[in-house]
Amino acid sequence: MEKLVKCEANYVPLTPLTFLKRAASVYANRASLIYEGTRFTWSQTYTRCCSLASSLRSFNISTNDVVSVLAPNIPAMYEMHFAVPMAGAVLNTINTRLDANTIASILRHSEAKVFFVDCQFVPLAKEALRLLMELSALPLVIVIDDIDSPTGVRLGELEYEHLVHRGNPNYSGEPIQDEWDPIALNYTSGTTSDPKGVVYSHRGAYLSTLSLILGWEMGSEPVYLWSLPMFHCNGWTFTWGIAARGGTNICLRNTTASDMYRNIHLHKVTHMCCAPIVFNIILDAKPEDRRRITSPVQVLTGGAPPPASLLEKIEPLGFHVTHAYGLTEATGPALVCEWQSKWNKLPGDDQAKIKARQGISILTLADVDVKNLDTMVSVPRDGKSMGEIVLKGSSLMKGYFKDQKATLKAFKNGWFATGDVGVIHPDGYLEIKDRSKDVIISGGENISSVELESVLYRHPRILEAAVVAMPHPVWGESPCAFVAVKNNTGDDVTEDDIVAYCRKNVPKFMVPKKVVILAELPKTATGKIQKFQLRSLAKTFEIPKMNRKNTGKSDQVNKPGYDAHPHEHVLAMSRL
């Protein structure tokens, strides 16, 4: 075939910014955003974004400059997902739960030229800027006052709404020259090392957005509740996706049970995303905070695999849960547990177990597999053989900002290595078994901490659970469980109670050799349990060597305790 010409008519760089322009034209008078008493249409949202982008350009913001924002899920946070890249800049949404030192490090590393700060976080920002001032130049600071209930709080002279009103509403934005250009910079939570800056391209953000609204079967006019922080992977790209579907964004300053139930009831919410911890907030709501849910709310959840027991409790309330798997480097969700109608005939417990899987790749991911990283051979699809989950596709990050070494390490042999251990079931659905560093290798037997945690979550008194490896004098490693218990009953739960429960529900070698009951498990700023802290603590525990006596059958310990490892026929493990 003859060579054809690529021109402006048949080739336009992919960017999610086109979703907003289309929404303003097609859904002009439809509600785009509701925040308490504030309401905008898509026509108004487009105009506001154009004006803000125009004001940013007046500050000499140039192509690929970084604009940072520290704010909750408020209208300004949503608008900046369009306005900042419209100005040619790169959006850096900062986790509001970080400490001042980490925020200062992000501002310094990103070389942010502008720093938007919500009025609620001015004290935190002040401290971060004080620390930053000692090492580098300060960005231009702009306060975002609450649009629904202004506070008058300021940090410097500039305020967000002033910039919106003074900008040019007819500004069309800087043209996207290359879809590979950066659109966003997101920092990892830094659970095991310093946070790394993950760079998204316009192309990657566009493709991820399309994948999720298609894979989740999100129809037109969705009403989306912002229970997931927009700072987390740009709200899993739904900041752009709701514009693509002409939906309505329901913004929340605080993710409380009262606010969620009230907004779901008032605005007839159809969709929301959240980490499994939000389910506990919903389930533990006080009677006076609850509202009856009259139509199903589709929920996309990620993070730690939700225990089947949790899914069994949340769905009868009106929440239809779909599980996804992703990470910052994958622009949010990379796998979604796409539901098959034949599963509707299964018992509820079996359905819940399937929903806890991570599922199949999103549409625009080129490939996903589970491999032995030493040989790069795929594991058998038997639901048992474990390997590392690897991904490839245009929806993955461009790389780590200012860290070529880490980028090259992440992209190995043509794949992105996630660091997560999983299996593939015969039907092609993936299931995470652990982080690679969290697999407990006990006497040659691999123990999945996720699997053991899932069992612990089914205990009626356990609110949170995390399992890590602790040293063992014979097997090398053994499971140590850390749990937080519910306080809404009068009965105390003990280590012995939990151990006895595990002995009834898991193979003998998987029973925790120690259970530690804490008031609350340590978490990162994104709500992930900090297992590295728990691993450090577990290393201080020690399984004593056993005193054995002859019973005539096999060696037994002097006091009742844990059962033998499957690879050992003589020695039994004593209680710690």
Protein backbone atom coordinates (compact mmCIF):
# COMPACT_ATOMS: atom_id res chain seq x y z
CA MET A 1 0.00 0.00 0.00
CA GLU A 2 1.20 3.51 -0.77
CA LYS A 3 2.43 5.64 2.11
CA LEU A 4 -0.30 7.95 3.40
CA VAL A 5 0.20 11.31 4.99
CA LYS A 6 -0.40 12.00 8.68
CA CYS A 7 -1.92 15.45 9.03
CA GLU A 8 -3.89 17.65 11.43
CA ALA A 9 -7.15 16.26 10.12
CA ASN A 10 -6.40 12.58 10.75
CA TYR A 11 -3.97 12.71 13.66
CA VAL A 12 -4.53 14.54 16.94
CA PRO A 13 -2.42 13.79 20.04
CA LEU A 14 -4.40 11.86 22.64
CA THR A 15 -5.16 13.86 25.78
CA PRO A 16 -7.96 13.74 28.38
CA LEU A 17 -8.32 17.51 27.96
CA THR A 18 -10.54 16.82 24.96
CA PHE A 19 -13.10 15.27 27.32
CA LEU A 20 -13.78 18.64 28.97
CA LYS A 21 -14.20 20.57 25.71
CA ARG A 22 -16.62 17.92 24.47
CA ALA A 23 -18.54 17.94 27.78
CA ALA A 24 -18.94 21.72 27.55
CA SER A 25 -20.41 21.36 24.07
CA VAL A 26 -22.53 18.21 24.43
CA TYR A 27 -23.55 18.44 28.10
CA ALA A 28 -23.42 22.23 28.48
CA ASN A 29 -26.34 22.63 30.90
CA ARG A 30 -25.90 19.33 32.74
CA ALA A 31 -24.61 19.54 36.35
CA SER A 32 -20.87 18.99 36.30
CA LEU A 33 -20.08 19.46 39.97
CA ILE A 34 -21.95 19.74 43.26
CA TYR A 35 -20.29 20.70 46.52
CA GLU A 36 -22.73 21.36 49.34
CA GLY A 37 -24.58 24.53 48.18
CA THR A 38 -22.30 25.13 45.17
CA ARG A 39 -23.31 23.81 41.76
CA PHE A 40 -21.76 24.20 38.30
CA THR A 41 -22.71 23.05 34.80
CA TRP A 42 -20.22 21.65 32.31
CA SER A 43 -20.30 24.91 30.40
CA GLN A 44 -19.36 26.78 33.57
CA THR A 45 -16.65 24.28 34.53
CA TYR A 46 -15.05 24.63 31.11
CA THR A 47 -15.10 28.42 31.32
CA ARG A 48 -13.62 28.38 34.84
CA CYS A 49 -10.81 26.03 33.73
CA CYS A 50 -10.00 28.25 30.75
CA SER A 51 -9.85 31.31 33.01
CA LEU A 52 -7.61 29.61 35.56
CA ALA A 53 -5.27 28.33 32.83
CA SER A 54 -5.07 31.87 31.45
CA SER A 55 -4.14 33.25 34.89
CA LEU A 56 -1.43 30.60 35.30
CA ARG A 57 0.12 31.61 31.99
CA SER A 58 0.22 35.21 33.21
CA PHE A 59 2.60 34.03 35.98
CA ASN A 60 5.07 32.97 33.27
CA ILE A 61 4.26 29.33 33.74
CA SER A 62 5.83 27.60 30.78
CA THR A 63 5.62 24.16 29.23
CA ASN A 64 6.32 21.29 31.63
CA ASP A 65 6.60 23.51 34.72
CA VAL A 66 5.19 21.77 37.79
CA VAL A 67 2.14 23.16 39.61
CA SER A 68 1.52 21.55 43.01
CA VAL A 69 -1.72 21.49 44.99
CA LEU A 70 -2.50 20.49 48.57
CA ALA A 71 -6.28 20.19 48.84
CA PRO A 72 -9.14 17.77 49.59
CA ASN A 73 -11.84 16.78 47.09
CA ILE A 74 -13.20 20.27 46.46
CA PRO A 75 -14.18 21.99 43.18
CA ALA A 76 -10.79 23.69 42.77
CA MET A 77 -8.98 20.36 43.01
CA TYR A 78 -11.17 18.97 40.24
CA GLU A 79 -10.79 22.02 37.99
CA MET A 80 -7.01 21.99 38.23
CA HIS A 81 -6.91 18.55 36.59
CA PHE A 82 -7.88 20.35 33.39
CA ALA A 83 -6.66 23.91 33.93
CA VAL A 84 -3.04 23.09 34.81
CA PRO A 85 -2.33 20.94 31.72
CA MET A 86 -4.33 23.43 29.61
CA ALA A 87 -1.67 25.95 30.64
CA GLY A 88 1.00 23.53 29.43
CA ALA A 89 2.09 22.69 32.97
CA VAL A 90 2.28 19.42 34.89
CA LEU A 91 -0.10 18.82 37.80
CA ASN A 92 1.33 17.51 41.08
CA THR A 93 -1.42 16.62 43.57
CA ILE A 94 0.07 16.20 47.05
CA ASN A 95 -1.28 13.78 49.61
CA THR A 96 -2.97 15.85 52.33
CA ARG A 97 -2.01 13.29 55.01
CA LEU A 98 1.72 13.77 54.58
CA ASP A 99 3.85 15.58 57.15
CA ALA A 100 5.46 18.95 56.50
CA ASN A 101 8.92 17.50 55.91
CA THR A 102 7.70 15.14 53.17
CA ILE A 103 5.67 17.90 51.52
CA ALA A 104 8.75 20.13 51.52
CA SER A 105 10.76 17.30 49.94
CA ILE A 106 8.16 16.91 47.18
CA LEU A 107 8.08 20.64 46.46
CA ARG A 108 11.87 20.70 46.30
CA HIS A 109 12.24 17.57 44.17
CA SER A 110 9.48 18.58 41.73
CA GLU A 111 10.78 22.17 41.52
CA ALA A 112 7.17 23.35 41.73
CA LYS A 113 6.69 26.88 40.36
CA VAL A 114 3.22 27.34 41.91
CA PHE A 115 1.78 25.86 45.10
CA PHE A 116 -1.99 25.92 45.62
CA VAL A 117 -3.01 25.37 49.26
CA ASP A 118 -6.52 24.78 50.56
CA CYS A 119 -7.46 26.93 53.55
CA GLN A 120 -7.73 23.82 55.75
CA PHE A 121 -4.05 23.01 55.20
CA VAL A 122 -2.48 26.45 55.52
CA PRO A 123 -0.75 25.63 58.87
CA LEU A 124 0.75 22.45 57.36
CA ALA A 125 1.83 24.32 54.24
CA LYS A 126 3.44 27.09 56.31
CA GLU A 127 5.64 24.57 58.07
CA ALA A 128 6.54 22.85 54.79
CA LEU A 129 7.46 26.19 53.21
CA ARG A 130 9.58 27.10 56.24
CA LEU A 131 11.55 23.88 55.81
CA LEU A 132 11.79 24.38 52.06
CA MET A 133 13.09 27.94 52.43
CA GLU A 134 16.24 26.62 54.11
CA LEU A 135 17.26 24.67 51.00
CA SER A 136 15.70 26.14 47.87
CA ALA A 137 13.57 28.89 46.37
CA LEU A 138 9.91 29.06 47.29
CA PRO A 139 7.10 28.56 44.76
CA LEU A 140 4.36 31.12 44.23
CA VAL A 141 1.73 30.33 46.89
CA ILE A 142 -2.00 30.63 46.18
CA VAL A 143 -4.65 29.89 48.81
CA ILE A 144 -7.89 28.11 47.92
CA ASP A 145 -10.61 29.45 50.21
CA ASP A 146 -13.70 27.30 50.65
CA ILE A 147 -16.04 28.25 47.82
CA ASP A 148 -19.16 27.24 49.76
CA SER A 149 -18.22 28.68 53.18
CA PRO A 150 -15.34 31.19 52.80
CA THR A 151 -12.99 31.38 55.79
CA GLY A 152 -10.88 34.41 54.89
CA VAL A 153 -7.70 32.41 55.61
CA ARG A 154 -4.74 33.55 53.50
CA LEU A 155 -1.11 32.67 52.91
CA GLY A 156 0.23 35.48 50.79
CA GLU A 157 -1.90 37.78 48.70
CA LEU A 158 -3.35 35.52 46.02
CA GLU A 159 -6.59 33.52 46.24
CA TYR A 160 -7.95 30.89 43.84
CA GLU A 161 -11.34 32.42 42.98
CA HIS A 162 -9.64 35.74 42.25
CA LEU A 163 -7.49 34.01 39.62
CA VAL A 164 -10.55 32.36 38.07
CA HIS A 165 -12.43 35.65 37.79
CA ARG A 166 -9.51 37.67 36.42
CA GLY A 167 -8.48 35.13 33.76
CA ASN A 168 -9.58 35.03 30.13
CA PRO A 169 -12.63 32.72 29.81
CA ASN A 170 -12.00 32.41 26.06
CA TYR A 171 -8.47 31.11 26.47
CA SER A 172 -8.26 27.87 24.48
CA GLY A 173 -5.23 26.42 26.21
CA GLU A 174 -1.75 25.58 25.00
CA PRO A 175 -1.77 23.07 22.12
CA ILE A 176 -0.53 19.59 22.97
CA GLN A 177 2.43 19.03 20.65
CA ASP A 178 3.16 15.46 21.67
CA GLU A 179 0.88 13.00 23.47
CA TRP A 180 4.01 11.65 25.21
CA ASP A 181 4.35 14.98 27.02
CA PRO A 182 3.81 14.84 30.79
CA ILE A 183 0.40 15.68 32.24
CA ALA A 184 0.83 14.75 35.90
CA LEU A 185 3.47 13.98 38.51
CA ASN A 186 2.41 11.72 41.37
CA TYR A 187 4.60 10.64 44.25
CA THR A 188 4.50 7.11 45.63
CA SER A 189 3.62 6.66 49.29
CA GLY A 190 7.20 5.77 50.18
CA THR A 191 6.44 2.80 52.46
CA THR A 192 9.86 1.24 51.88
CA SER A 193 11.95 4.16 50.61
CA ASP A 194 11.78 7.84 49.80
CA PRO A 195 8.75 8.75 47.64
CA LYS A 196 9.46 8.53 43.92
CA GLY A 197 7.96 10.92 41.38
CA VAL A 198 5.87 9.02 38.83
CA VAL A 199 5.32 10.84 35.53
CA TYR A 200 2.12 10.30 33.51
CA SER A 201 1.80 11.18 29.83
CA HIS A 202 -1.26 12.68 28.14
CA ARG A 203 -1.53 9.47 26.11
CA GLY A 204 -1.34 7.22 29.17
CA ALA A 205 -3.91 9.25 31.09
CA TYR A 206 -6.27 9.24 28.09
CA LEU A 207 -6.03 5.48 27.58
CA SER A 208 -6.38 4.66 31.28
CA THR A 209 -9.47 6.85 31.48
CA LEU A 210 -11.13 5.14 28.53
CA SER A 211 -10.28 1.70 29.91
CA LEU A 212 -11.89 2.33 33.25
CA ILE A 213 -15.13 3.94 32.08
CA LEU A 214 -15.55 1.10 29.56
CA GLY A 215 -14.43 -1.74 31.80
CA TRP A 216 -16.64 -0.55 34.64
CA GLU A 217 -19.48 -0.14 32.12
CA MET A 218 -20.08 3.40 33.29
CA GLY A 219 -23.02 4.65 31.27
CA SER A 220 -23.83 8.27 30.49
CA GLU A 221 -24.81 10.73 33.21
CA PRO A 222 -23.20 8.93 36.18
CA VAL A 223 -23.40 10.63 39.56
CA TYR A 224 -19.97 10.09 41.06
CA LEU A 225 -19.17 10.51 44.76
CA TRP A 226 -15.60 11.60 45.48
CA SER A 227 -14.84 9.22 48.35
CA LEU A 228 -11.46 8.44 46.78
CA PRO A 229 -8.87 11.24 47.16
CA MET A 230 -8.20 13.05 43.91
CA PHE A 231 -4.54 13.20 44.97
CA HIS A 232 -4.38 9.41 44.64
CA CYS A 233 -3.34 8.65 41.03
CA ASN A 234 -5.49 11.63 39.96
CA GLY A 235 -8.54 9.93 41.40
CA TRP A 236 -7.75 6.78 39.38
CA THR A 237 -8.28 9.02 36.30
CA PHE A 238 -11.98 9.54 37.09
CA THR A 239 -11.24 13.26 37.37
CA TRP A 240 -11.09 13.11 33.57
CA GLY A 241 -13.47 10.16 33.17
CA ILE A 242 -16.55 11.84 34.64
CA ALA A 243 -16.18 14.61 32.06
CA ALA A 244 -15.95 11.97 29.32
CA ARG A 245 -19.33 10.55 30.39
CA GLY A 246 -21.01 13.87 31.09
CA GLY A 247 -21.48 12.89 34.71
CA THR A 248 -21.86 14.87 37.92
CA ASN A 249 -19.05 15.10 40.44
CA ILE A 250 -20.20 15.10 44.07
CA CYS A 251 -17.32 16.65 45.99
CA LEU A 252 -16.56 15.85 49.64
CA ARG A 253 -14.25 17.77 51.92
CA ASN A 254 -14.36 14.99 54.52
CA THR A 255 -14.98 11.28 53.98
CA THR A 256 -17.20 10.68 57.00
CA ALA A 257 -20.04 8.17 57.22
CA SER A 258 -22.54 10.98 57.69
CA ASP A 259 -21.34 12.93 54.63
CA MET A 260 -21.19 9.87 52.41
CA TYR A 261 -24.64 8.55 53.33
CA ARG A 262 -26.16 12.05 53.10
CA ASN A 263 -24.76 12.75 49.64
CA ILE A 264 -25.58 9.28 48.31
CA HIS A 265 -29.19 9.73 49.42
CA LEU A 266 -29.55 13.37 48.38
CA HIS A 267 -27.97 13.17 44.92
CA LYS A 268 -28.80 9.54 44.01
CA VAL A 269 -25.15 8.61 43.64
CA THR A 270 -24.51 5.83 41.10
CA HIS A 271 -20.73 5.34 41.34
CA MET A 272 -17.89 5.76 43.82
CA CYS A 273 -14.35 4.48 44.33
CA CYS A 274 -12.62 3.77 47.61
CA ALA A 275 -10.05 1.74 49.50
CA PRO A 276 -11.47 -1.14 51.59
CA ILE A 277 -10.98 0.92 54.76
CA VAL A 278 -13.90 3.11 53.64
CA PHE A 279 -16.16 0.05 53.89
CA ASN A 280 -15.45 -0.02 57.62
CA ILE A 281 -16.51 3.63 57.87
CA ILE A 282 -19.78 2.80 56.10
CA LEU A 283 -20.42 -0.35 58.11
CA ASP A 284 -19.65 1.29 61.47
CA ALA A 285 -21.90 4.31 60.83
CA LYS A 286 -24.14 5.35 63.70
CA PRO A 287 -27.88 4.79 63.13
CA GLU A 288 -28.51 8.54 62.96
CA ASP A 289 -25.90 8.91 60.18
CA ARG A 290 -27.34 6.23 57.92
CA ARG A 291 -29.69 6.79 54.99
CA ARG A 292 -31.60 4.18 53.03
CA ILE A 293 -30.00 3.50 49.67
CA THR A 294 -32.81 3.11 47.14
CA SER A 295 -30.74 2.22 44.06
CA PRO A 296 -27.45 0.31 43.78
CA VAL A 297 -24.19 2.21 44.14
CA GLN A 298 -21.42 0.78 41.96
CA VAL A 299 -18.20 0.71 43.95
CA LEU A 300 -14.73 0.21 42.48
CA THR A 301 -12.30 -0.70 45.24
CA GLY A 302 -8.55 -1.24 45.27
CA GLY A 303 -5.70 -1.40 47.70
CA ALA A 304 -5.44 -4.51 49.83
CA PRO A 305 -7.70 -7.32 48.59
CA PRO A 306 -11.05 -6.89 50.39
CA PRO A 307 -11.80 -9.91 52.56
CA ALA A 308 -14.76 -11.97 51.35
CA SER A 309 -16.39 -11.43 54.74
CA LEU A 310 -16.31 -7.67 54.20
CA LEU A 311 -17.93 -7.95 50.79
CA GLU A 312 -20.68 -10.11 52.26
CA LYS A 313 -21.53 -7.32 54.71
CA ILE A 314 -21.35 -4.30 52.42
CA GLU A 315 -23.38 -5.51 49.43
CA PRO A 316 -26.73 -5.98 51.25
CA LEU A 317 -26.59 -2.25 52.12
CA GLY A 318 -26.86 -1.38 48.42
CA PHE A 319 -23.19 -1.27 47.34
CA HIS A 320 -22.23 -3.42 44.34
CA VAL A 321 -18.48 -3.98 44.60
CA THR A 322 -15.97 -4.48 41.78
CA HIS A 323 -12.39 -5.13 42.78
CA ALA A 324 -9.49 -3.56 40.91
CA TYR A 325 -5.73 -3.73 41.21
CA GLY A 326 -3.27 -1.05 40.36
CA LEU A 327 -0.43 1.09 41.53
CA THR A 328 0.82 4.61 41.01
CA GLU A 329 3.10 3.52 38.18
CA ALA A 330 0.14 2.06 36.27
CA THR A 331 -1.86 5.33 36.31
CA GLY A 332 -4.17 3.73 38.85
CA PRO A 333 -6.07 0.48 38.20
CA ALA A 334 -4.46 -1.96 35.77
CA LEU A 335 -6.66 -4.99 36.46
CA VAL A 336 -10.40 -5.13 37.09
CA CYS A 337 -12.39 -8.13 38.31
CA GLU A 338 -14.89 -8.03 35.45
CA TRP A 339 -18.03 -9.88 36.55
CA GLN A 340 -19.44 -12.75 34.51
CA SER A 341 -23.17 -13.46 34.51
CA LYS A 342 -22.67 -17.19 35.08
CA TRP A 343 -21.29 -16.37 38.53
CA ASN A 344 -24.69 -15.04 39.61
CA LYS A 345 -25.78 -18.64 40.15
CA LEU A 346 -23.03 -19.32 42.69
CA PRO A 347 -23.58 -19.21 46.46
CA GLY A 348 -22.90 -15.84 48.07
CA ASP A 349 -19.69 -16.99 49.72
CA ASP A 350 -18.26 -18.19 46.40
CA GLN A 351 -19.27 -14.94 44.70
CA ALA A 352 -17.48 -12.94 47.40
CA LYS A 353 -14.30 -14.98 46.92
CA ILE A 354 -14.35 -14.31 43.18
CA LYS A 355 -14.94 -10.60 43.74
CA ALA A 356 -11.84 -10.47 45.91
CA ARG A 357 -9.72 -11.42 42.88
CA GLN A 358 -7.88 -8.69 41.01
CA GLY A 359 -9.17 -9.92 37.65
CA ILE A 360 -8.15 -9.21 34.07
CA SER A 361 -6.26 -6.37 32.41
CA ILE A 362 -7.93 -3.09 31.55
CA LEU A 363 -8.69 -2.73 27.84
CA THR A 364 -5.77 -0.52 26.89
CA LEU A 365 -3.11 -2.50 28.73
CA ALA A 366 -1.15 -4.42 26.09
CA ASP A 367 -0.43 -7.45 28.26
CA VAL A 368 -0.32 -8.79 31.81
CA ASP A 369 1.25 -11.96 33.10
CA VAL A 370 2.60 -13.73 36.15
CA LYS A 371 6.22 -14.80 35.69
CA ASN A 372 9.25 -16.24 37.37
CA LEU A 373 11.46 -13.16 37.18
CA ASP A 374 14.65 -15.24 37.13
CA THR A 375 13.64 -17.13 33.99
CA MET A 376 10.82 -14.86 32.69
CA VAL A 377 8.76 -18.03 32.20
CA SER A 378 5.02 -17.69 32.81
CA VAL A 379 3.58 -19.68 35.70
CA PRO A 380 0.93 -22.35 35.01
CA ARG A 381 -2.67 -21.13 35.06
CA ASP A 382 -3.65 -23.33 37.96
CA GLY A 383 -4.54 -20.77 40.62
CA LYS A 384 -1.70 -22.10 42.78
CA SER A 385 1.67 -21.47 41.15
CA MET A 386 2.98 -18.10 42.29
CA GLY A 387 5.12 -15.59 40.45
CA GLU A 388 5.47 -11.84 40.04
CA ILE A 389 2.78 -9.81 38.30
CA VAL A 390 4.21 -7.96 35.27
CA LEU A 391 2.55 -5.42 32.99
CA LYS A 392 3.15 -3.66 29.69
CA GLY A 393 1.23 -0.98 27.83
CA SER A 394 0.92 2.69 26.98
CA SER A 395 -1.09 3.39 30.13
CA LEU A 396 1.98 2.82 32.30
CA MET A 397 4.08 5.71 33.59
CA LYS A 398 6.73 7.41 31.48
CA GLY A 399 9.18 6.74 34.29
CA TYR A 400 10.43 8.09 37.60
CA PHE A 401 11.18 11.82 37.68
CA LYS A 402 14.93 12.49 37.95
CA ASP A 403 15.65 8.82 38.62
CA GLN A 404 16.84 7.00 35.52
CA LYS A 405 18.35 4.16 37.57
CA ALA A 406 15.01 3.33 39.22
CA THR A 407 13.22 3.65 35.86
CA LEU A 408 15.54 1.15 34.17
CA LYS A 409 15.16 -1.23 37.09
CA ALA A 410 11.34 -1.04 36.93
CA PHE A 411 11.20 -1.72 33.16
CA LYS A 412 12.98 -5.04 32.88
CA ASN A 413 13.01 -7.45 29.92
CA GLY A 414 10.21 -5.54 28.22
CA TRP A 415 7.89 -5.64 31.24
CA PHE A 416 7.09 -3.51 34.26
CA ALA A 417 7.71 -5.59 37.38
CA THR A 418 5.07 -4.68 39.98
CA GLY A 419 6.68 -6.32 43.02
CA ASP A 420 3.41 -8.15 43.69
CA VAL A 421 3.18 -11.92 43.86
CA GLY A 422 0.13 -13.57 42.37
CA VAL A 423 -1.41 -16.55 40.61
CA ILE A 424 -3.49 -16.97 37.46
CA HIS A 425 -6.63 -19.04 37.67
CA PRO A 426 -7.63 -21.35 34.80
CA ASP A 427 -10.16 -18.72 33.61
CA GLY A 428 -7.37 -16.16 33.20
CA TYR A 429 -8.25 -14.08 36.27
CA LEU A 430 -5.33 -12.96 38.42
CA GLU A 431 -5.27 -13.02 42.18
CA ILE A 432 -2.66 -11.32 44.35
CA LYS A 433 -1.11 -13.47 47.00
CA ASP A 434 1.35 -10.97 48.44
CA ARG A 435 3.93 -8.31 47.92
CA SER A 436 7.14 -10.10 46.92
CA LYS A 437 8.80 -8.90 50.10
CA ASP A 438 5.86 -10.07 52.23
CA VAL A 439 5.76 -13.73 51.21
CA ILE A 440 6.68 -15.81 54.26
CA ILE A 441 8.98 -18.70 53.37
CA SER A 442 8.74 -21.20 56.17
CA GLY A 443 10.78 -24.38 55.80
CA GLY A 444 10.53 -24.16 52.02
CA GLU A 445 6.77 -23.59 52.15
CA ASN A 446 5.45 -20.28 50.77
CA ILE A 447 2.83 -18.68 53.04
CA SER A 448 0.71 -15.90 51.62
CA SER A 449 0.21 -13.15 54.19
CA VAL A 450 -2.82 -11.95 52.18
CA GLU A 451 -4.46 -15.36 52.44
CA LEU A 452 -3.92 -15.52 56.20
CA GLU A 453 -5.12 -11.93 56.61
CA SER A 454 -8.30 -12.81 54.73
CA VAL A 455 -9.02 -15.52 57.29
CA LEU A 456 -8.30 -13.18 60.20
CA TYR A 457 -10.72 -10.58 58.79
CA ARG A 458 -13.52 -13.12 59.06
CA HIS A 459 -13.11 -13.18 62.83
CA PRO A 460 -16.09 -11.23 64.22
CA ARG A 461 -13.91 -9.09 66.51
CA ILE A 462 -11.07 -8.20 64.14
CA LEU A 463 -11.16 -4.78 62.49
CA GLU A 464 -7.71 -4.75 60.87
CA ALA A 465 -5.12 -7.44 60.29
CA ALA A 466 -1.59 -7.63 58.92
CA VAL A 467 0.69 -10.66 58.77
CA VAL A 468 4.47 -10.48 58.41
CA ALA A 469 7.41 -12.84 58.79
CA MET A 470 9.17 -13.30 62.11
CA PRO A 471 12.40 -15.25 62.69
CA HIS A 472 12.17 -18.94 63.49
CA PRO A 473 15.16 -21.02 64.70
CA VAL A 474 14.22 -24.03 62.56
CA TRP A 475 12.07 -22.89 59.65
CA GLY A 476 13.79 -19.56 59.03
CA GLU A 477 10.51 -17.63 59.04
CA SER A 478 7.06 -18.05 60.53
CA PRO A 479 3.88 -15.94 60.49
CA CYS A 480 3.34 -13.16 63.00
CA ALA A 481 -0.09 -11.50 63.03
CA PHE A 482 -0.83 -7.95 64.12
CA VAL A 483 -4.51 -7.14 64.64
CA ALA A 484 -6.72 -4.30 65.79
CA VAL A 485 -10.01 -5.36 67.33
CA LYS A 486 -13.44 -3.78 67.33
CA ASN A 487 -14.43 -2.00 70.53
CA ASN A 488 -18.19 -2.25 70.15
CA THR A 489 -18.59 -5.38 72.27
CA GLY A 490 -18.00 -5.96 75.94
CA ASP A 491 -15.96 -9.15 75.54
CA ASP A 492 -12.19 -9.05 75.46
CA VAL A 493 -10.43 -11.04 72.77
CA THR A 494 -7.05 -12.58 73.53
CA GLU A 495 -4.12 -13.92 71.59
CA ASP A 496 -5.18 -17.45 72.52
CA ASP A 497 -8.67 -16.82 71.10
CA ILE A 498 -7.27 -15.71 67.75
CA VAL A 499 -4.76 -18.55 67.59
CA ALA A 500 -7.49 -21.08 68.33
CA TYR A 501 -9.62 -19.51 65.59
CA CYS A 502 -6.77 -19.79 63.07
CA ARG A 503 -6.13 -23.42 63.97
CA LYS A 504 -9.69 -24.18 62.90
CA ASN A 505 -9.52 -22.26 59.62
CA VAL A 506 -6.05 -22.62 58.08
CA PRO A 507 -3.51 -25.39 57.52
CA LYS A 508 -1.34 -26.09 60.54
CA PHE A 509 1.83 -24.55 59.11
CA MET A 510 0.02 -21.24 58.43
CA VAL A 511 -1.13 -20.67 62.02
CA PRO A 512 0.53 -17.46 63.38
CA LYS A 513 3.27 -18.19 65.85
CA LYS A 514 2.50 -14.92 67.58
CA VAL A 515 -0.48 -12.58 67.60
CA VAL A 516 -0.03 -8.98 68.68
CA ILE A 517 -3.16 -6.96 69.49
CA LEU A 518 -2.76 -3.22 68.89
CA ALA A 519 -5.14 -0.29 69.28
CA GLU A 520 -4.49 0.63 65.65
CA LEU A 521 -2.15 -0.64 62.96
CA PRO A 522 0.42 1.85 61.62
CA LYS A 523 -0.54 3.27 58.22
CA THR A 524 0.92 5.39 55.47
CA ALA A 525 -0.59 8.71 54.52
CA THR A 526 -2.71 6.90 51.90
CA GLY A 527 -4.13 4.50 54.48
CA LYS A 528 -1.95 1.51 53.60
CA ILE A 529 -0.74 -0.58 56.53
CA GLN A 530 2.98 0.01 57.05
CA LYS A 531 4.23 -3.53 57.06
CA PHE A 532 7.85 -2.45 57.19
CA GLN A 533 7.25 -1.14 60.71
CA LEU A 534 5.57 -4.39 61.70
CA ARG A 535 8.39 -6.43 60.16
CA SER A 536 10.91 -4.49 62.23
CA LEU A 537 8.91 -5.20 65.37
CA ALA A 538 8.48 -8.88 64.49
CA LYS A 539 12.25 -9.26 64.17
CA THR A 540 12.53 -8.53 67.90
CA PHE A 541 10.42 -11.57 68.71
CA GLU A 542 12.09 -14.93 69.09
CA ILE A 543 10.74 -18.46 68.97
CA PRO A 544 12.55 -20.38 71.72
CA LYS A 545 14.09 -23.72 70.90
CA MET A 546 11.86 -26.56 71.99
CA ASN A 547 12.21 -28.91 74.94
CA ARG A 548 10.97 -32.25 73.76
CA LYS A 549 9.81 -35.40 75.44
CA ASN A 550 9.28 -38.86 74.03
CA THR A 551 5.65 -39.91 73.70
CA GLY A 552 6.31 -43.16 71.94
CA LYS A 553 4.85 -41.82 68.68
CA SER A 554 6.69 -38.65 67.79
CA ASP A 555 8.45 -35.86 69.59
CA GLN A 556 6.08 -33.40 71.26
CA VAL A 557 6.62 -30.11 73.02
CA ASN A 558 6.09 -29.88 76.78
CA LYS A 559 3.07 -27.62 76.48
CA PRO A 560 0.29 -27.38 73.93
CA GLY A 561 0.92 -25.00 71.07
CA TYR A 562 1.45 -24.94 67.35
CA ASP A 563 1.43 -27.89 65.03
CA ALA A 564 4.31 -29.17 63.00
CA HIS A 565 5.37 -27.80 59.67
CA PRO A 566 4.31 -30.10 56.81
CA HIS A 567 7.95 -30.75 55.96
CA GLU A 568 8.79 -31.91 59.49
CA HIS A 569 7.75 -35.22 61.04
CA VAL A 570 9.52 -34.99 64.36
CA LEU A 571 9.69 -31.51 65.82
CA ALA A 572 6.63 -29.54 66.86
CA MET A 573 6.66 -25.80 67.46
CA SER A 574 6.03 -24.42 70.90
CA ARG A 575 4.05 -21.33 71.77
CA LEU A 576 6.01 -18.13 72.10
